[in-house]
Protein backbone atom coordinates (compact mmCIF):
# COMPACT_ATOMS: atom_id res chain seq x y z
CA UNK A 1 0.05 0.23 -0.12
CA UNK A 2 1.00 3.36 -0.74
CA UNK A 3 2.27 5.07 2.72
CA UNK A 4 2.78 8.69 3.12
CA UNK A 5 5.84 10.29 4.74
CA UNK A 6 5.22 14.08 6.26
CA UNK A 7 8.28 16.57 6.81
CA UNK A 8 8.38 20.36 7.75
CA UNK A 9 6.49 20.99 11.06
CA UNK A 10 7.52 23.13 13.93
CA UNK A 11 7.07 26.61 15.58
CA UNK A 12 6.87 29.46 14.01
CA UNK A 13 5.72 33.19 15.16
CA UNK A 14 2.63 34.50 14.11
CA UNK A 15 2.82 35.83 10.50
CA UNK A 16 5.34 33.40 9.43
CA UNK A 17 5.79 30.91 6.99
CA UNK A 18 5.85 27.23 6.60
CA UNK A 19 6.45 24.56 3.98
CA UNK A 20 5.04 20.78 4.15
CA UNK A 21 5.97 17.89 1.97
CA UNK A 22 4.20 14.76 1.82
CA UNK A 23 5.84 12.11 -0.01
CA UNK A 24 4.33 9.24 -1.54
CA UNK A 25 5.93 5.55 -0.94
CA UNK A 26 5.60 4.46 -4.39
CA UNK A 27 4.83 5.12 -7.67
CA UNK A 28 2.77 2.39 -9.08
CA UNK A 29 -0.65 4.33 -8.42
CA UNK A 30 -2.93 6.98 -9.85
CA UNK A 31 -3.79 9.85 -7.23
CA UNK A 32 -7.31 10.85 -7.47
CA UNK A 33 -7.15 13.75 -4.92
CA UNK A 34 -4.62 14.72 -2.41
CA UNK A 35 -4.94 17.00 0.68
CA UNK A 36 -4.08 18.41 4.07
CA UNK A 37 -6.30 17.96 6.80
CA UNK A 38 -5.60 19.63 10.70
CA UNK A 39 -7.04 18.81 14.02
CA UNK A 40 -6.59 21.14 16.84
CA UNK A 41 -7.44 19.91 20.55
CA UNK A 42 -10.87 19.42 21.19
CA UNK A 43 -11.88 20.11 17.29
CA UNK A 44 -13.12 17.57 14.77
CA UNK A 45 -10.40 17.15 11.67
CA UNK A 46 -11.04 19.41 9.19
CA UNK A 47 -10.32 19.70 5.73
CA UNK A 48 -7.86 22.49 4.60
CA UNK A 49 -6.73 22.00 1.52
CA UNK A 50 -7.20 18.98 -1.69
CA UNK A 51 -6.02 19.01 -5.13
CA UNK A 52 -6.98 16.65 -7.50
CA UNK A 53 -4.73 15.11 -10.48
CA UNK A 54 -5.76 17.37 -13.04
CA UNK A 55 -4.66 20.29 -10.96
CA UNK A 56 -7.79 21.70 -9.52
CA UNK A 57 -8.00 23.08 -5.76
CA UNK A 58 -9.69 23.66 -3.20
CA UNK A 59 -9.18 25.47 0.26
CA UNK A 60 -11.17 25.78 3.31
CA UNK A 61 -12.54 29.23 4.06
CA UNK A 62 -10.14 29.94 6.66
CA UNK A 63 -7.04 29.44 5.13
CA UNK A 64 -8.08 31.07 1.81
CA UNK A 65 -5.09 33.62 0.21
CA UNK A 66 -2.80 32.14 2.83
CA UNK A 67 -1.96 28.83 1.90
CA UNK A 68 -1.40 27.01 -1.01
CA UNK A 69 -1.01 23.25 -2.15
CA UNK A 70 1.68 22.71 -4.89
CA UNK A 71 2.53 19.50 -6.26
CA UNK A 72 5.39 17.72 -7.68
CA UNK A 73 4.31 14.79 -9.88
CA UNK A 74 7.46 13.38 -10.81
CA UNK A 75 8.30 13.19 -6.66
CA UNK A 76 4.98 12.07 -6.01
CA UNK A 77 5.32 14.99 -3.54
CA UNK A 78 2.51 17.05 -2.13
CA UNK A 79 3.28 20.35 -0.40
CA UNK A 80 1.48 22.92 1.60
CA UNK A 81 2.49 26.31 1.99
CA UNK A 82 1.61 28.21 4.67
CA UNK A 83 2.19 31.92 4.87
CA UNK A 84 0.66 34.43 7.40
CA UNK A 85 0.31 31.78 9.60
CA UNK A 86 -2.16 32.62 12.60
CA UNK A 87 -2.35 31.08 16.26
CA UNK A 88 -5.51 29.60 15.38
CA UNK A 89 -3.74 27.39 12.65
CA UNK A 90 -2.19 25.33 15.22
CA UNK A 91 -2.98 21.77 15.13
CA UNK A 92 -1.76 18.42 14.00
CA UNK A 93 -1.58 18.29 9.83
CA UNK A 94 -2.17 15.09 8.25
CA UNK A 95 -1.33 14.79 4.55
CA UNK A 96 -4.15 12.34 2.55
CA UNK A 97 -4.17 10.36 -0.72
CA UNK A 98 -7.03 8.84 -2.49
CA UNK A 99 -5.21 6.65 -4.93
CA UNK A 100 -5.72 3.39 -7.39
CA UNK A 101 -3.31 0.88 -7.32
CA UNK A 102 -1.73 -0.63 -10.37
CA UNK A 103 -4.28 -2.53 -12.06
CA UNK A 104 -7.08 -2.17 -9.91
CA UNK A 105 -10.14 -0.43 -10.13
CA UNK A 106 -11.27 0.59 -6.78
CA UNK A 107 -9.67 3.43 -4.99
CA UNK A 108 -7.53 3.21 -1.56
CA UNK A 109 -7.27 5.79 1.02
CA UNK A 110 -3.80 6.93 2.60
CA UNK A 111 -2.84 9.07 5.53
CA UNK A 112 0.23 10.62 6.89
CA UNK A 113 1.71 10.10 10.18
CA UNK A 114 0.79 14.16 11.38
CA UNK A 115 3.03 16.67 11.81
CA UNK A 116 2.52 19.36 14.54
CA UNK A 117 2.25 22.61 14.01
CA UNK A 118 2.22 25.56 17.00
CA UNK A 119 1.94 29.16 15.91
CA UNK A 120 2.71 31.97 18.72
CA UNK A 121 1.53 34.80 19.20
């Protein structure tokens, strides 16, 4: 199965930037959608951003204009570029992918391990 490995989390001051990466463990698949979710203490996990195989992106209203989700198809990698960070962005961020295995018709879902982002005032 595909495994997603995240990197790039950390501590940043409000107004700063961070860049996450999420790398798929193999390339014998076709990805329908990749995205980022986050979960803060006491909150439900929420969608942050997604990108389809065709390059169409969606963003949560709370991050529009601040976050982008670039993708490097050659490296099986998706990024989350976070700018103008706010304390309310503090959460654990999870990469997600919906994909097809080679030769199969039904999709699978994979999750990254989670990466802590802490934004200080």
